[in-house]
Amino acid sequence: MELEYGKYFHIYNRGNNRENLFYEERNYDYFLKQYMKHIVPVAETFAYCLMKNHFHLMVRIKDEDTMRLDNSERFDKSERFVKSRMVTNQFKNFFISYAKAINKAYGRTGALFQRPFGRREITSDEYFARLMYYIHSNPQKHRFVKNFRTYPYSSYTIVLSGQPGIVERNKVLEWFGGIDAFVEFHNKMTDEQTISNLIDEDD
């Protein structure tokens, strides 16, 4: 599935052979730094969660005429990329750059990520909302923490704190109708049954 302009997607992946992707705190920071470099120019991010051996992202691929390689240069549509395949390649380059750094830092070789990376189009408002909860509650589901609200490598805490980051915080809060509604939704939502058939097993 190609990542088409203007559409919302659930992006996910895990370590090759279920290996860890993150070994220490600085790895999470580096992952987000590389994400900022490779993905922010081509996609808006609405949710994310990074766990030791897998991660989840909720993104909207930007419209073709608003994509930028960096903060100042507009893409030349006729020369710099070929439609949506360019976006997929941006994700691949992101994963490669992170994997190379991890391999060098920890003396490992071979693929770090499972291939190909997972992607599912988000096709309804209900799916969007429930997937938001699924992504944020994943650390609790996998028993990394007792309460997902305390997990540090998730966009849930970023939305609440207002700290700068990769998440389109204002758009998320606008979608839910404000921060109180955002919190209330996460408090009331207790299962993922209605989207379980749209999420590949990740544990």
C-alpha atoms as a PDB file:
ATOM      1  CA  MET A   1       0.000   0.000   0.000  1.00  0.00           C
ATOM      2  CA  GLU A   2       1.406   3.365  -1.016  1.00  0.00           C
ATOM      3  CA  LEU A   3       1.048   6.311   1.360  1.00  0.00           C
ATOM      4  CA  GLU A   4      -1.269   8.625  -0.564  1.00  0.00           C
ATOM      5  CA  TYR A   5      -1.403  12.384  -0.219  1.00  0.00           C
ATOM      6  CA  GLY A   6      -3.955  13.800   2.203  1.00  0.00           C
ATOM      7  CA  LYS A   7      -4.862  10.439   3.768  1.00  0.00           C
ATOM      8  CA  TYR A   8      -4.502   9.247   7.357  1.00  0.00           C
ATOM      9  CA  PHE A   9      -2.502   6.134   8.204  1.00  0.00           C
ATOM     10  CA  HIS A  10      -1.560   3.931  11.115  1.00  0.00           C
ATOM     11  CA  ILE A  11       2.175   3.194  10.731  1.00  0.00           C
ATOM     12  CA  TYR A  12       3.764   0.513  12.872  1.00  0.00           C
ATOM     13  CA  ASN A  13       6.742  -1.805  13.039  1.00  0.00           C
ATOM     14  CA  ARG A  14       8.733  -3.917  15.451  1.00  0.00           C
ATOM     15  CA  GLY A  15      12.244  -5.227  15.871  1.00  0.00           C
ATOM     16  CA  ASN A  16      13.435  -7.923  13.516  1.00  0.00           C
ATOM     17  CA  ASN A  17      12.958 -11.305  15.190  1.00  0.00           C
ATOM     18  CA  ARG A  18      11.241  -9.382  18.008  1.00  0.00           C
ATOM     19  CA  GLU A  19      14.519  -7.770  19.053  1.00  0.00           C
ATOM     20  CA  ASN A  20      14.561  -4.472  20.899  1.00  0.00           C
ATOM     21  CA  LEU A  21      14.562  -1.219  18.934  1.00  0.00           C
ATOM     22  CA  PHE A  22      15.482   0.894  21.946  1.00  0.00           C
ATOM     23  CA  TYR A  23      18.223   0.000  24.409  1.00  0.00           C
ATOM     24  CA  GLU A  24      18.405   3.145  26.526  1.00  0.00           C
ATOM     25  CA  GLU A  25      16.767   6.534  26.929  1.00  0.00           C
ATOM     26  CA  ARG A  26      18.943   8.344  24.392  1.00  0.00           C
ATOM     27  CA  ASN A  27      17.715   5.978  21.664  1.00  0.00           C
ATOM     28  CA  TYR A  28      14.155   7.271  21.994  1.00  0.00           C
ATOM     29  CA  ASP A  29      15.405  10.839  21.666  1.00  0.00           C
ATOM     30  CA  TYR A  30      17.468   9.982  18.604  1.00  0.00           C
ATOM     31  CA  PHE A  31      14.513   8.186  17.000  1.00  0.00           C
ATOM     32  CA  LEU A  32      12.393  11.324  17.396  1.00  0.00           C
ATOM     33  CA  LYS A  33      15.218  13.515  16.109  1.00  0.00           C
ATOM     34  CA  GLN A  34      15.491  11.412  12.938  1.00  0.00           C
ATOM     35  CA  TYR A  35      11.713  11.386  12.679  1.00  0.00           C
ATOM     36  CA  MET A  36      11.734  15.163  12.717  1.00  0.00           C
ATOM     37  CA  LYS A  37      14.291  15.181   9.923  1.00  0.00           C
ATOM     38  CA  HIS A  38      12.727  12.597   7.618  1.00  0.00           C
ATOM     39  CA  ILE A  39       8.990  12.409   8.352  1.00  0.00           C
ATOM     40  CA  VAL A  40       7.823  15.806   9.596  1.00  0.00           C
ATOM     41  CA  PRO A  41       8.451  17.348   6.150  1.00  0.00           C
ATOM     42  CA  VAL A  42       6.013  14.894   4.532  1.00  0.00           C
ATOM     43  CA  ALA A  43       3.471  14.013   7.238  1.00  0.00           C
ATOM     44  CA  GLU A  44       1.527  15.471  10.146  1.00  0.00           C
ATOM     45  CA  THR A  45       1.673  13.368  13.306  1.00  0.00           C
ATOM     46  CA  PHE A  46      -1.369  12.961  15.547  1.00  0.00           C
ATOM     47  CA  ALA A  47      -0.205  10.207  17.883  1.00  0.00           C
ATOM     48  CA  TYR A  48       2.800   8.032  18.595  1.00  0.00           C
ATOM     49  CA  CYS A  49       4.082   5.529  21.109  1.00  0.00           C
ATOM     50  CA  LEU A  50       7.591   4.084  21.250  1.00  0.00           C
ATOM     51  CA  MET A  51       8.157   0.847  23.152  1.00  0.00           C
ATOM     52  CA  LYS A  52      11.252  -1.306  23.552  1.00  0.00           C
ATOM     53  CA  ASN A  53      10.566  -3.615  20.641  1.00  0.00           C
ATOM     54  CA  HIS A  54       7.877  -1.873  18.575  1.00  0.00           C
ATOM     55  CA  PHE A  55       6.188   1.438  17.871  1.00  0.00           C
ATOM     56  CA  HIS A  56       2.950   2.968  16.582  1.00  0.00           C
ATOM     57  CA  LEU A  57       2.342   6.204  14.689  1.00  0.00           C
ATOM     58  CA  MET A  58      -0.813   7.942  13.498  1.00  0.00           C
ATOM     59  CA  VAL A  59      -0.099  10.318  10.630  1.00  0.00           C
ATOM     60  CA  ARG A  60      -1.686  12.286   7.842  1.00  0.00           C
ATOM     61  CA  ILE A  61       0.367  12.454   4.663  1.00  0.00           C
ATOM     62  CA  LYS A  62       0.636  16.089   3.642  1.00  0.00           C
ATOM     63  CA  ASP A  63      -0.885  17.388   0.437  1.00  0.00           C
ATOM     64  CA  GLU A  64       1.481  17.267  -2.499  1.00  0.00           C
ATOM     65  CA  ASP A  65       1.843  21.029  -2.843  1.00  0.00           C
ATOM     66  CA  THR A  66       2.729  21.594   0.834  1.00  0.00           C
ATOM     67  CA  MET A  67       5.531  19.051   1.221  1.00  0.00           C
ATOM     68  CA  ARG A  68       9.021  20.332   1.885  1.00  0.00           C
ATOM     69  CA  LEU A  69      12.404  18.690   2.065  1.00  0.00           C
ATOM     70  CA  ASP A  70      13.395  21.155   4.753  1.00  0.00           C
ATOM     71  CA  ASN A  71      11.986  24.289   6.316  1.00  0.00           C
ATOM     72  CA  SER A  72      12.790  26.534   3.390  1.00  0.00           C
ATOM     73  CA  GLU A  73      12.766  24.609   0.123  1.00  0.00           C
ATOM     74  CA  ARG A  74       9.567  23.513  -1.637  1.00  0.00           C
ATOM     75  CA  PHE A  75       9.665  20.200  -3.449  1.00  0.00           C
ATOM     76  CA  ASP A  76      10.046  20.404  -7.215  1.00  0.00           C
ATOM     77  CA  LYS A  77       7.217  18.041  -8.112  1.00  0.00           C
ATOM     78  CA  SER A  78       8.542  17.305 -11.588  1.00  0.00           C
ATOM     79  CA  GLU A  79      12.097  16.460 -10.552  1.00  0.00           C
ATOM     80  CA  ARG A  80      12.392  15.683  -6.831  1.00  0.00           C
ATOM     81  CA  PHE A  81       9.956  12.825  -6.346  1.00  0.00           C
ATOM     82  CA  VAL A  82       7.510  10.522  -8.062  1.00  0.00           C
ATOM     83  CA  LYS A  83       4.087  10.749  -6.418  1.00  0.00           C
ATOM     84  CA  SER A  84       3.385   8.844  -3.221  1.00  0.00           C
ATOM     85  CA  ARG A  85       6.313   6.438  -3.587  1.00  0.00           C
ATOM     86  CA  MET A  86       8.517   9.292  -2.422  1.00  0.00           C
ATOM     87  CA  VAL A  87       6.678   9.363   0.896  1.00  0.00           C
ATOM     88  CA  THR A  88       7.155   5.620   1.386  1.00  0.00           C
ATOM     89  CA  ASN A  89      10.844   6.085   0.637  1.00  0.00           C
ATOM     90  CA  GLN A  90      11.032   8.834   3.271  1.00  0.00           C
ATOM     91  CA  PHE A  91       9.871   6.305   5.864  1.00  0.00           C
ATOM     92  CA  LYS A  92      12.343   3.724   4.593  1.00  0.00           C
ATOM     93  CA  ASN A  93      15.177   6.248   4.766  1.00  0.00           C
ATOM     94  CA  PHE A  94      14.111   7.141   8.289  1.00  0.00           C
ATOM     95  CA  PHE A  95      14.251   3.510   9.420  1.00  0.00           C
ATOM     96  CA  ILE A  96      17.594   2.964   7.693  1.00  0.00           C
ATOM     97  CA  SER A  97      19.170   6.021   9.298  1.00  0.00           C
ATOM     98  CA  TYR A  98      18.051   4.929  12.755  1.00  0.00           C
ATOM     99  CA  ALA A  99      19.132   1.310  12.226  1.00  0.00           C
ATOM    100  CA  LYS A 100      22.601   2.348  11.060  1.00  0.00           C
ATOM    101  CA  ALA A 101      23.092   4.446  14.191  1.00  0.00           C
ATOM    102  CA  ILE A 102      21.959   1.623  16.496  1.00  0.00           C
ATOM    103  CA  ASN A 103      24.134  -0.944  14.731  1.00  0.00           C
ATOM    104  CA  LYS A 104      27.159   1.330  15.040  1.00  0.00           C
ATOM    105  CA  ALA A 105      26.511   2.242  18.667  1.00  0.00           C
ATOM    106  CA  TYR A 106      25.941  -1.319  19.895  1.00  0.00           C
ATOM    107  CA  GLY A 107      28.142  -3.322  17.542  1.00  0.00           C
ATOM    108  CA  ARG A 108      25.295  -5.212  15.931  1.00  0.00           C
ATOM    109  CA  THR A 109      24.772  -6.150  12.288  1.00  0.00           C
ATOM    110  CA  GLY A 110      21.847  -6.924  10.039  1.00  0.00           C
ATOM    111  CA  ALA A 111      18.286  -5.634   9.836  1.00  0.00           C
ATOM    112  CA  LEU A 112      16.938  -3.886  12.917  1.00  0.00           C
ATOM    113  CA  PHE A 113      13.322  -3.516  11.786  1.00  0.00           C
ATOM    114  CA  GLN A 114      10.890  -6.098  10.500  1.00  0.00           C
ATOM    115  CA  ARG A 115      10.178  -5.553   6.791  1.00  0.00           C
ATOM    116  CA  PRO A 116       8.065  -4.205   5.268  1.00  0.00           C
ATOM    117  CA  PHE A 117       6.790  -1.680   7.803  1.00  0.00           C
ATOM    118  CA  GLY A 118       3.076  -1.921   8.576  1.00  0.00           C
ATOM    119  CA  ARG A 119       0.584   0.632   7.293  1.00  0.00           C
ATOM    120  CA  ARG A 120      -3.203   0.806   7.438  1.00  0.00           C
ATOM    121  CA  GLU A 121      -5.389   3.597   6.137  1.00  0.00           C
ATOM    122  CA  ILE A 122      -7.629   5.243   8.740  1.00  0.00           C
ATOM    123  CA  THR A 123     -11.008   5.411   7.084  1.00  0.00           C
ATOM    124  CA  SER A 124     -13.428   6.877   9.638  1.00  0.00           C
ATOM    125  CA  ASP A 125     -13.669   9.273  12.568  1.00  0.00           C
ATOM    126  CA  GLU A 126     -14.472   6.397  14.914  1.00  0.00           C
ATOM    127  CA  TYR A 127     -11.415   4.493  13.771  1.00  0.00           C
ATOM    128  CA  PHE A 128      -9.291   7.636  14.269  1.00  0.00           C
ATOM    129  CA  ALA A 129     -10.490   8.086  17.855  1.00  0.00           C
ATOM    130  CA  ARG A 130     -10.229   4.447  18.875  1.00  0.00           C
ATOM    131  CA  LEU A 131      -6.807   4.105  17.283  1.00  0.00           C
ATOM    132  CA  MET A 132      -5.683   7.144  19.259  1.00  0.00           C
ATOM    133  CA  TYR A 133      -6.625   5.303  22.446  1.00  0.00           C
ATOM    134  CA  TYR A 134      -5.055   2.062  21.220  1.00  0.00           C
ATOM    135  CA  ILE A 135      -1.730   3.765  20.540  1.00  0.00           C
ATOM    136  CA  HIS A 136      -1.665   5.628  23.844  1.00  0.00           C
ATOM    137  CA  SER A 137      -2.739   2.627  25.924  1.00  0.00           C
ATOM    138  CA  ASN A 138      -0.285   0.207  24.267  1.00  0.00           C
ATOM    139  CA  PRO A 139       2.386   0.444  27.004  1.00  0.00           C
ATOM    140  CA  GLN A 140      -0.211  -0.636  29.566  1.00  0.00           C
ATOM    141  CA  LYS A 141      -1.461  -3.428  27.308  1.00  0.00           C
ATOM    142  CA  HIS A 142       2.082  -4.791  27.044  1.00  0.00           C
ATOM    143  CA  ARG A 143       2.736  -4.242  30.764  1.00  0.00           C
ATOM    144  CA  PHE A 144       5.533  -1.724  30.402  1.00  0.00           C
ATOM    145  CA  VAL A 145       3.640   0.429  32.904  1.00  0.00           C
ATOM    146  CA  LYS A 146       0.597  -0.010  35.121  1.00  0.00           C
ATOM    147  CA  ASN A 147      -0.958   3.212  33.809  1.00  0.00           C
ATOM    148  CA  PHE A 148      -0.354   4.370  30.236  1.00  0.00           C
ATOM    149  CA  ARG A 149      -0.814   7.990  31.333  1.00  0.00           C
ATOM    150  CA  THR A 150       2.606   7.867  33.007  1.00  0.00           C
ATOM    151  CA  TYR A 151       4.504   6.442  30.037  1.00  0.00           C
ATOM    152  CA  PRO A 152       7.165   8.952  28.907  1.00  0.00           C
ATOM    153  CA  TYR A 153       7.557   7.930  25.247  1.00  0.00           C
ATOM    154  CA  SER A 154       4.014   8.575  24.125  1.00  0.00           C
ATOM    155  CA  SER A 155       2.187  11.537  22.617  1.00  0.00           C
ATOM    156  CA  TYR A 156      -0.425  11.362  25.396  1.00  0.00           C
ATOM    157  CA  THR A 157       1.868  13.183  27.810  1.00  0.00           C
ATOM    158  CA  ILE A 158       2.912  15.640  25.084  1.00  0.00           C
ATOM    159  CA  VAL A 159      -0.702  16.596  24.349  1.00  0.00           C
ATOM    160  CA  LEU A 160      -1.395  17.201  28.031  1.00  0.00           C
ATOM    161  CA  SER A 161       1.815  19.053  28.806  1.00  0.00           C
ATOM    162  CA  GLY A 162       1.874  21.319  25.789  1.00  0.00           C
ATOM    163  CA  GLN A 163       5.586  20.673  25.326  1.00  0.00           C
ATOM    164  CA  PRO A 164       6.925  21.160  21.803  1.00  0.00           C
ATOM    165  CA  GLY A 165       7.323  18.035  19.749  1.00  0.00           C
ATOM    166  CA  ILE A 166       6.319  16.219  16.589  1.00  0.00           C
ATOM    167  CA  VAL A 167       2.604  16.019  17.435  1.00  0.00           C
ATOM    168  CA  GLU A 168      -0.014  18.356  15.937  1.00  0.00           C
ATOM    169  CA  ARG A 169      -1.269  19.114  19.448  1.00  0.00           C
ATOM    170  CA  ASN A 170      -3.712  21.884  18.540  1.00  0.00           C
ATOM    171  CA  LYS A 171      -5.303  19.803  15.785  1.00  0.00           C
ATOM    172  CA  VAL A 172      -5.664  16.819  18.125  1.00  0.00           C
ATOM    173  CA  LEU A 173      -7.371  18.928  20.793  1.00  0.00           C
ATOM    174  CA  GLU A 174      -9.573  20.600  18.210  1.00  0.00           C
ATOM    175  CA  TRP A 175     -10.639  17.203  16.891  1.00  0.00           C
ATOM    176  CA  PHE A 176     -11.647  16.008  20.383  1.00  0.00           C
ATOM    177  CA  GLY A 177     -13.147  19.343  21.399  1.00  0.00           C
ATOM    178  CA  GLY A 178     -10.565  20.429  23.934  1.00  0.00           C
ATOM    179  CA  ILE A 179      -8.197  18.961  26.476  1.00  0.00           C
ATOM    180  CA  ASP A 180     -10.927  17.932  28.928  1.00  0.00           C
ATOM    181  CA  ALA A 181     -12.726  15.962  26.224  1.00  0.00           C
ATOM    182  CA  PHE A 182      -9.426  14.383  25.176  1.00  0.00           C
ATOM    183  CA  VAL A 183      -8.773  13.174  28.728  1.00  0.00           C
ATOM    184  CA  GLU A 184     -12.370  12.055  29.225  1.00  0.00           C
ATOM    185  CA  PHE A 185     -12.293   9.968  26.053  1.00  0.00           C
ATOM    186  CA  HIS A 186      -9.162   8.147  27.212  1.00  0.00           C
ATOM    187  CA  ASN A 187     -10.726   7.566  30.628  1.00  0.00           C
ATOM    188  CA  LYS A 188     -13.938   6.126  29.217  1.00  0.00           C
ATOM    189  CA  MET A 189     -12.415   4.040  26.462  1.00  0.00           C
ATOM    190  CA  THR A 190     -11.587   0.599  27.809  1.00  0.00           C
ATOM    191  CA  ASP A 191     -11.350  -1.752  24.833  1.00  0.00           C
ATOM    192  CA  GLU A 192     -10.201  -1.893  21.231  1.00  0.00           C
ATOM    193  CA  GLN A 193     -12.714  -4.482  20.003  1.00  0.00           C
ATOM    194  CA  THR A 194     -14.115  -2.394  17.155  1.00  0.00           C
ATOM    195  CA  ILE A 195     -10.700  -1.911  15.544  1.00  0.00           C
ATOM    196  CA  SER A 196      -9.018  -5.193  16.525  1.00  0.00           C
ATOM    197  CA  ASN A 197      -9.600  -6.589  13.046  1.00  0.00           C
ATOM    198  CA  LEU A 198      -7.764  -3.593  11.566  1.00  0.00           C
ATOM    199  CA  ILE A 199      -4.651  -3.920  13.723  1.00  0.00           C
ATOM    200  CA  ASP A 200      -2.039  -6.568  13.057  1.00  0.00           C
ATOM    201  CA  GLU A 201      -0.845  -8.471  16.124  1.00  0.00           C
ATOM    202  CA  ASP A 202       2.115  -6.620  17.543  1.00  0.00           C
ATOM    203  CA  ASP A 203       2.994  -8.519  20.685  1.00  0.00           C
END
